[in-house]
Amino acid sequence: MLGFFFLVPLGFVSYRYGYRIAWSALLLAIVGNVFLALVTVLTRGLHPAEIFWDILYFTTMSCIFTCIISPPPALSSRFSGGMRLIIGSCLGALLFMGIFLRSISTPGFSEYLGSILNSVVSNYRSSGSDVVQNALMESLTADAVLDFMKSMMLRGGSLVSAVFMFFICRQISFALAFMANRRQGKQGMNPQSTSLAGFHVYPTIIWVLSASLLLVVLTKMAKLEIPEIILWNILILCGILYLAQGLGILQFFLARPTVSPSLKLLLSVLFIFLFFSPVINVVLMGGVVLLGIAENWVSFRAPKQNGPPSTPEAE
């Protein structure tokens, strides 16, 4: 589980010490990972090809993450932070898919998954579960589960994983660096730089969302698998953008001076609790996405006018 956060130390260095130190740390991390991989090969007698994907994964994801949070000046001037996150997540999703497809193609993976399913079915039988549930569990096969996993990964699962990974690691890295600077009395880090309160989706994206949703249905009916997969990823990407916009609206309202700190803490804890609650989190995320879409017609974050409203002069 902690392996999911392997980018956090690199992000911490980037936010704490700046661009030059960040890229020096990246180079050292890549060299250190290659060295540890070679030591593993020599000590365990593995074939060098077996660690190739580990080195490729670590190197690629580390480079993408560094470009997102501490990009070279030329890249920073051309692409915003949100755009770098989107492009980097798409590249990371391609890598996820390559590793996943390679893993499920190995002969031992199917047997390993089959043994796990057999163990789960045995536990259901011993626990005296419902007869219908037992029948459903016994109908599951390794091939059926693999097909489902492959379908989900191809249709946006890998993209969601990459976005979630980069975003969470970025937020944790910034929070740790911010707290370290505060402890030492240093200034210069603005918490709003990683906030979504000012994030806005281009209005034209709503047409991309609508068109991709319609075309997904049409390609599904026509059984055009490759166009359907591409359209699903476009649809998921649009959904992620509107999810970010919806979260930005919530952050905007929580950041208002009229909201007390205790209420902010209570609502934040409640949101995190609901986010990790099965079924409820799906409804919650769907509602946040709809909130983000609704801002195409309702300006939730429009600044309030100061002073009394003006009245028309009498003729």
Protein backbone atom coordinates (compact mmCIF):
# COMPACT_ATOMS: atom_id res chain seq x y z
CA MET A 1 0.00 0.00 0.00
CA LEU A 2 2.81 2.41 0.88
CA GLY A 3 4.32 1.77 -2.54
CA PHE A 4 1.54 3.92 -3.95
CA PHE A 5 3.21 6.95 -2.32
CA PHE A 6 6.76 6.35 -3.57
CA LEU A 7 6.69 9.75 -5.33
CA VAL A 8 6.06 11.74 -2.14
CA PRO A 9 9.76 12.12 -1.11
CA LEU A 10 10.60 13.43 -4.56
CA GLY A 11 7.68 15.87 -4.40
CA PHE A 12 8.73 17.01 -0.92
CA VAL A 13 12.22 17.86 -2.18
CA SER A 14 10.75 19.67 -5.19
CA TYR A 15 8.46 21.91 -3.15
CA ARG A 16 10.97 22.48 -0.36
CA TYR A 17 14.17 23.18 -2.30
CA GLY A 18 13.14 24.19 -5.82
CA TYR A 19 13.72 23.23 -9.42
CA ARG A 20 17.48 22.52 -9.53
CA ILE A 21 17.56 20.38 -6.38
CA ALA A 22 14.44 18.54 -7.55
CA TRP A 23 16.02 17.39 -10.81
CA SER A 24 19.26 16.48 -9.05
CA ALA A 25 17.23 14.39 -6.60
CA LEU A 26 15.41 12.79 -9.54
CA LEU A 27 18.70 11.74 -11.13
CA LEU A 28 19.97 10.31 -7.84
CA ALA A 29 16.70 8.43 -7.29
CA ILE A 30 16.86 6.86 -10.77
CA VAL A 31 20.50 5.83 -10.31
CA GLY A 32 19.73 4.45 -6.84
CA ASN A 33 16.79 2.44 -8.14
CA VAL A 34 18.88 0.93 -10.94
CA PHE A 35 21.61 0.05 -8.43
CA LEU A 36 19.13 -1.65 -6.06
CA ALA A 37 17.59 -3.54 -8.99
CA LEU A 38 21.00 -4.82 -10.09
CA VAL A 39 21.81 -5.88 -6.53
CA THR A 40 18.52 -7.79 -6.45
CA VAL A 41 19.43 -9.55 -9.70
CA LEU A 42 22.84 -10.59 -8.39
CA THR A 43 21.68 -11.71 -4.94
CA ARG A 44 18.59 -13.62 -6.07
CA GLY A 45 19.90 -14.97 -9.34
CA LEU A 46 17.20 -13.33 -11.45
CA HIS A 47 17.42 -12.65 -15.17
CA PRO A 48 18.14 -8.95 -15.92
CA ALA A 49 15.04 -8.79 -18.13
CA GLU A 50 12.86 -9.45 -15.07
CA ILE A 51 13.71 -6.07 -13.52
CA PHE A 52 13.40 -4.08 -16.75
CA TRP A 53 9.76 -3.18 -16.13
CA ASP A 54 10.49 -2.16 -12.55
CA ILE A 55 13.21 0.22 -13.70
CA LEU A 56 11.04 1.54 -16.54
CA TYR A 57 8.08 2.13 -14.21
CA PHE A 58 10.07 3.95 -11.54
CA THR A 59 12.03 6.08 -14.03
CA THR A 60 9.03 7.06 -16.15
CA MET A 61 6.66 7.87 -13.29
CA SER A 62 9.35 9.84 -11.43
CA CYS A 63 10.17 11.91 -14.53
CA ILE A 64 6.50 12.60 -15.23
CA PHE A 65 5.82 13.60 -11.62
CA THR A 66 8.81 15.95 -11.54
CA CYS A 67 7.66 17.58 -14.78
CA ILE A 68 4.23 18.11 -13.22
CA ILE A 69 5.30 19.80 -9.99
CA SER A 70 8.73 21.21 -10.87
CA PRO A 71 8.88 21.56 -14.66
CA PRO A 72 11.70 23.08 -16.73
CA PRO A 73 11.09 26.77 -17.56
CA ALA A 74 10.26 26.02 -21.21
CA LEU A 75 7.62 23.48 -20.18
CA SER A 76 6.22 25.68 -17.43
CA SER A 77 5.71 28.62 -19.79
CA ARG A 78 3.78 26.53 -22.33
CA PHE A 79 1.61 24.34 -20.09
CA SER A 80 -0.23 25.15 -16.88
CA GLY A 81 -0.06 22.90 -13.84
CA GLY A 82 -3.46 21.37 -14.60
CA MET A 83 -2.50 20.69 -18.21
CA ARG A 84 0.78 19.06 -17.12
CA LEU A 85 -1.18 16.85 -14.72
CA ILE A 86 -3.55 15.77 -17.50
CA ILE A 87 -0.79 15.06 -20.04
CA GLY A 88 1.35 13.28 -17.46
CA SER A 89 -1.60 11.16 -16.32
CA CYS A 90 -2.31 10.10 -19.92
CA LEU A 91 1.33 9.01 -20.32
CA GLY A 92 1.23 7.23 -16.97
CA ALA A 93 -2.00 5.48 -17.98
CA LEU A 94 -0.30 4.09 -21.10
CA LEU A 95 2.50 2.72 -18.92
CA PHE A 96 -0.02 1.22 -16.49
CA MET A 97 -1.77 -0.49 -19.38
CA GLY A 98 1.49 -1.90 -20.77
CA ILE A 99 2.49 -3.35 -17.41
CA PHE A 100 -1.01 -4.69 -16.74
CA LEU A 101 -1.36 -6.39 -20.13
CA ARG A 102 2.10 -7.91 -19.75
CA SER A 103 1.24 -9.21 -16.26
CA ILE A 104 -2.02 -10.92 -17.24
CA SER A 105 -0.34 -12.52 -20.27
CA THR A 106 2.10 -14.47 -18.11
CA PRO A 107 1.09 -18.11 -17.55
CA GLY A 108 1.40 -17.97 -13.78
CA PHE A 109 -0.92 -14.99 -13.33
CA SER A 110 -4.08 -16.88 -14.30
CA GLU A 111 -3.23 -19.77 -11.95
CA TYR A 112 -2.48 -17.34 -9.12
CA LEU A 113 -5.79 -15.53 -9.62
CA GLY A 114 -7.61 -18.88 -9.81
CA SER A 115 -6.14 -19.93 -6.46
CA ILE A 116 -7.31 -16.66 -4.87
CA LEU A 117 -10.84 -17.16 -6.24
CA ASN A 118 -10.92 -20.74 -4.93
CA SER A 119 -9.87 -19.50 -1.51
CA VAL A 120 -12.61 -16.84 -1.50
CA VAL A 121 -15.26 -19.37 -2.57
CA SER A 122 -14.15 -21.75 0.17
CA ASN A 123 -14.47 -19.00 2.78
CA TYR A 124 -18.00 -18.21 1.57
CA ARG A 125 -18.96 -21.87 1.85
CA SER A 126 -17.55 -22.21 5.36
CA SER A 127 -19.26 -19.01 6.55
CA GLY A 128 -22.69 -20.35 5.60
CA SER A 129 -23.55 -17.47 3.29
CA ASP A 130 -26.69 -17.23 1.21
CA VAL A 131 -27.17 -19.95 -1.43
CA VAL A 132 -27.54 -17.39 -4.21
CA GLN A 133 -24.31 -15.66 -3.20
CA ASN A 134 -22.49 -18.99 -3.10
CA ALA A 135 -23.75 -19.81 -6.59
CA LEU A 136 -22.60 -16.44 -7.91
CA MET A 137 -19.19 -16.83 -6.34
CA GLU A 138 -18.74 -20.33 -7.76
CA SER A 139 -19.63 -19.05 -11.24
CA LEU A 140 -16.66 -16.71 -11.18
CA THR A 141 -13.67 -17.95 -13.13
CA ALA A 142 -10.18 -16.57 -13.54
CA ASP A 143 -10.81 -15.87 -17.22
CA ALA A 144 -14.02 -13.95 -16.47
CA VAL A 145 -12.29 -11.82 -13.82
CA LEU A 146 -9.35 -11.14 -16.14
CA ASP A 147 -11.67 -10.07 -18.95
CA PHE A 148 -13.50 -7.73 -16.58
CA MET A 149 -10.25 -6.24 -15.26
CA LYS A 150 -8.92 -5.77 -18.79
CA SER A 151 -12.14 -4.08 -19.89
CA MET A 152 -12.10 -1.70 -16.92
CA MET A 153 -8.44 -0.79 -17.35
CA LEU A 154 -8.84 -0.13 -21.07
CA ARG A 155 -11.95 1.97 -20.54
CA GLY A 156 -10.52 4.54 -18.17
CA GLY A 157 -9.38 2.53 -15.16
CA SER A 158 -5.68 3.10 -15.85
CA LEU A 159 -6.28 6.82 -16.45
CA VAL A 160 -8.18 7.23 -13.19
CA SER A 161 -5.40 5.39 -11.33
CA ALA A 162 -2.70 7.65 -12.81
CA VAL A 163 -4.61 10.89 -12.08
CA PHE A 164 -5.39 9.78 -8.53
CA MET A 165 -1.78 8.74 -7.88
CA PHE A 166 -0.19 11.95 -9.17
CA PHE A 167 -2.75 14.22 -7.50
CA ILE A 168 -2.61 12.56 -4.06
CA CYS A 169 1.22 12.44 -4.08
CA ARG A 170 1.34 16.11 -5.11
CA GLN A 171 -1.02 17.19 -2.32
CA ILE A 172 0.81 15.18 0.35
CA SER A 173 4.20 16.44 -0.85
CA PHE A 174 3.08 20.06 -0.70
CA ALA A 175 1.49 19.64 2.74
CA LEU A 176 4.67 18.10 4.18
CA ALA A 177 6.89 20.78 2.65
CA PHE A 178 4.55 23.54 3.84
CA MET A 179 4.57 22.20 7.42
CA ALA A 180 8.38 21.83 7.35
CA ASN A 181 8.77 25.44 6.22
CA ARG A 182 6.33 26.69 8.84
CA ARG A 183 8.22 24.82 11.55
CA GLN A 184 11.44 26.59 10.55
CA GLY A 185 9.74 29.94 10.13
CA LYS A 186 10.24 30.07 6.36
CA GLN A 187 7.77 31.76 4.05
CA GLY A 188 7.16 31.69 0.32
CA MET A 189 4.81 28.72 -0.05
CA ASN A 190 1.23 29.64 -0.90
CA PRO A 191 -1.32 26.93 -0.01
CA GLN A 192 -3.56 28.26 -2.79
CA SER A 193 -1.03 27.11 -5.39
CA THR A 194 -2.27 23.52 -5.06
CA SER A 195 -5.89 24.41 -4.30
CA LEU A 196 -8.68 23.62 -6.75
CA ALA A 197 -10.68 26.68 -5.70
CA GLY A 198 -9.49 28.58 -8.77
CA PHE A 199 -9.64 25.67 -11.21
CA HIS A 200 -11.99 26.17 -14.17
CA VAL A 201 -12.73 23.86 -17.09
CA TYR A 202 -12.90 25.38 -20.55
CA PRO A 203 -16.59 25.85 -21.49
CA THR A 204 -16.10 23.91 -24.75
CA ILE A 205 -15.30 20.74 -22.79
CA ILE A 206 -19.02 20.26 -22.13
CA TRP A 207 -19.48 19.62 -25.86
CA VAL A 208 -16.64 17.08 -25.81
CA LEU A 209 -18.32 15.36 -22.85
CA SER A 210 -21.71 15.28 -24.58
CA ALA A 211 -20.33 14.06 -27.90
CA SER A 212 -18.17 11.34 -26.32
CA LEU A 213 -21.12 10.10 -24.24
CA LEU A 214 -23.30 9.80 -27.34
CA LEU A 215 -20.55 8.20 -29.43
CA VAL A 216 -19.77 5.65 -26.70
CA VAL A 217 -23.35 4.40 -26.94
CA LEU A 218 -23.24 4.32 -30.75
CA THR A 219 -19.89 2.50 -30.94
CA LYS A 220 -21.08 0.02 -28.31
CA MET A 221 -24.16 -0.73 -30.40
CA ALA A 222 -22.04 -1.03 -33.56
CA LYS A 223 -19.50 -3.25 -31.70
CA LEU A 224 -16.55 -1.03 -32.66
CA GLU A 225 -14.26 -1.90 -29.76
CA ILE A 226 -11.21 0.29 -30.46
CA PRO A 227 -13.18 3.54 -31.04
CA GLU A 228 -15.26 2.68 -27.99
CA ILE A 229 -12.15 2.33 -25.81
CA ILE A 230 -10.78 5.66 -27.04
CA LEU A 231 -14.10 7.40 -26.44
CA TRP A 232 -14.43 5.90 -22.97
CA ASN A 233 -11.06 7.39 -22.01
CA ILE A 234 -12.10 10.79 -23.40
CA LEU A 235 -15.35 10.56 -21.43
CA ILE A 236 -13.52 9.58 -18.23
CA LEU A 237 -11.04 12.42 -18.70
CA CYS A 238 -13.88 14.94 -19.08
CA GLY A 239 -15.49 13.48 -15.96
CA ILE A 240 -12.23 13.92 -14.02
CA LEU A 241 -12.02 17.56 -15.12
CA TYR A 242 -15.55 18.27 -13.96
CA LEU A 243 -14.88 16.39 -10.72
CA ALA A 244 -11.94 18.74 -10.11
CA GLN A 245 -14.16 21.73 -10.92
CA GLY A 246 -16.82 20.48 -8.52
CA LEU A 247 -14.22 20.04 -5.77
CA GLY A 248 -12.97 23.55 -6.55
CA ILE A 249 -16.48 24.92 -5.97
CA LEU A 250 -16.66 23.17 -2.60
CA GLN A 251 -13.22 24.49 -1.62
CA PHE A 252 -14.25 27.99 -2.70
CA PHE A 253 -17.25 28.00 -0.37
CA LEU A 254 -15.29 26.47 2.51
CA ALA A 255 -12.58 29.15 2.11
CA ARG A 256 -15.02 32.01 2.69
CA PRO A 257 -14.44 34.02 5.90
CA THR A 258 -18.02 33.42 7.00
CA VAL A 259 -17.34 29.68 7.42
CA SER A 260 -15.92 28.97 10.89
CA PRO A 261 -12.76 26.82 11.21
CA SER A 262 -14.66 24.20 13.24
CA LEU A 263 -17.29 23.88 10.51
CA LYS A 264 -14.57 23.59 7.86
CA LEU A 265 -12.92 20.77 9.82
CA LEU A 266 -16.24 19.01 10.40
CA LEU A 267 -17.23 19.18 6.71
CA SER A 268 -13.76 18.05 5.58
CA VAL A 269 -13.82 15.03 7.90
CA LEU A 270 -17.37 14.20 6.78
CA PHE A 271 -16.36 14.40 3.13
CA ILE A 272 -13.36 12.10 3.65
CA PHE A 273 -15.54 9.63 5.58
CA LEU A 274 -18.13 9.56 2.79
CA PHE A 275 -15.43 9.28 0.14
CA PHE A 276 -14.21 5.99 1.63
CA SER A 277 -17.71 4.60 2.22
CA PRO A 278 -18.74 1.99 -0.39
CA VAL A 279 -21.68 2.90 -2.63
CA ILE A 280 -22.00 6.29 -0.92
CA ASN A 281 -18.71 7.42 -2.47
CA VAL A 282 -20.05 6.69 -5.97
CA VAL A 283 -23.12 8.84 -5.32
CA LEU A 284 -20.95 11.54 -3.73
CA MET A 285 -18.49 11.67 -6.65
CA GLY A 286 -21.37 11.70 -9.12
CA GLY A 287 -22.91 14.65 -7.31
CA VAL A 288 -19.60 16.55 -7.32
CA VAL A 289 -19.22 15.91 -11.07
CA LEU A 290 -22.75 17.23 -11.69
CA LEU A 291 -21.91 20.27 -9.57
CA GLY A 292 -18.88 20.92 -11.75
CA ILE A 293 -20.94 20.52 -14.92
CA ALA A 294 -23.62 22.88 -13.57
CA GLU A 295 -21.08 25.71 -13.39
CA ASN A 296 -21.31 25.94 -17.18
CA TRP A 297 -24.65 27.68 -16.60
CA VAL A 298 -24.45 28.91 -13.00
CA SER A 299 -21.51 31.05 -11.80
CA PHE A 300 -21.03 29.57 -8.34
CA ARG A 301 -17.69 31.33 -7.84
CA ALA A 302 -18.60 34.75 -9.23
CA PRO A 303 -17.17 37.50 -6.98
CA LYS A 304 -19.73 39.40 -4.96
CA GLN A 305 -20.19 43.10 -5.64
CA ASN A 306 -19.09 45.36 -2.80
CA GLY A 307 -21.44 48.06 -1.61
CA PRO A 308 -25.18 48.49 -2.11
CA PRO A 309 -26.61 47.68 -5.52
CA SER A 310 -27.00 50.60 -7.86
CA THR A 311 -30.49 51.85 -8.68
CA PRO A 312 -31.53 53.33 -12.00
CA GLU A 313 -31.93 57.06 -12.03
CA ALA A 314 -35.45 58.46 -12.46
CA GLU A 315 -36.15 60.04 -15.78
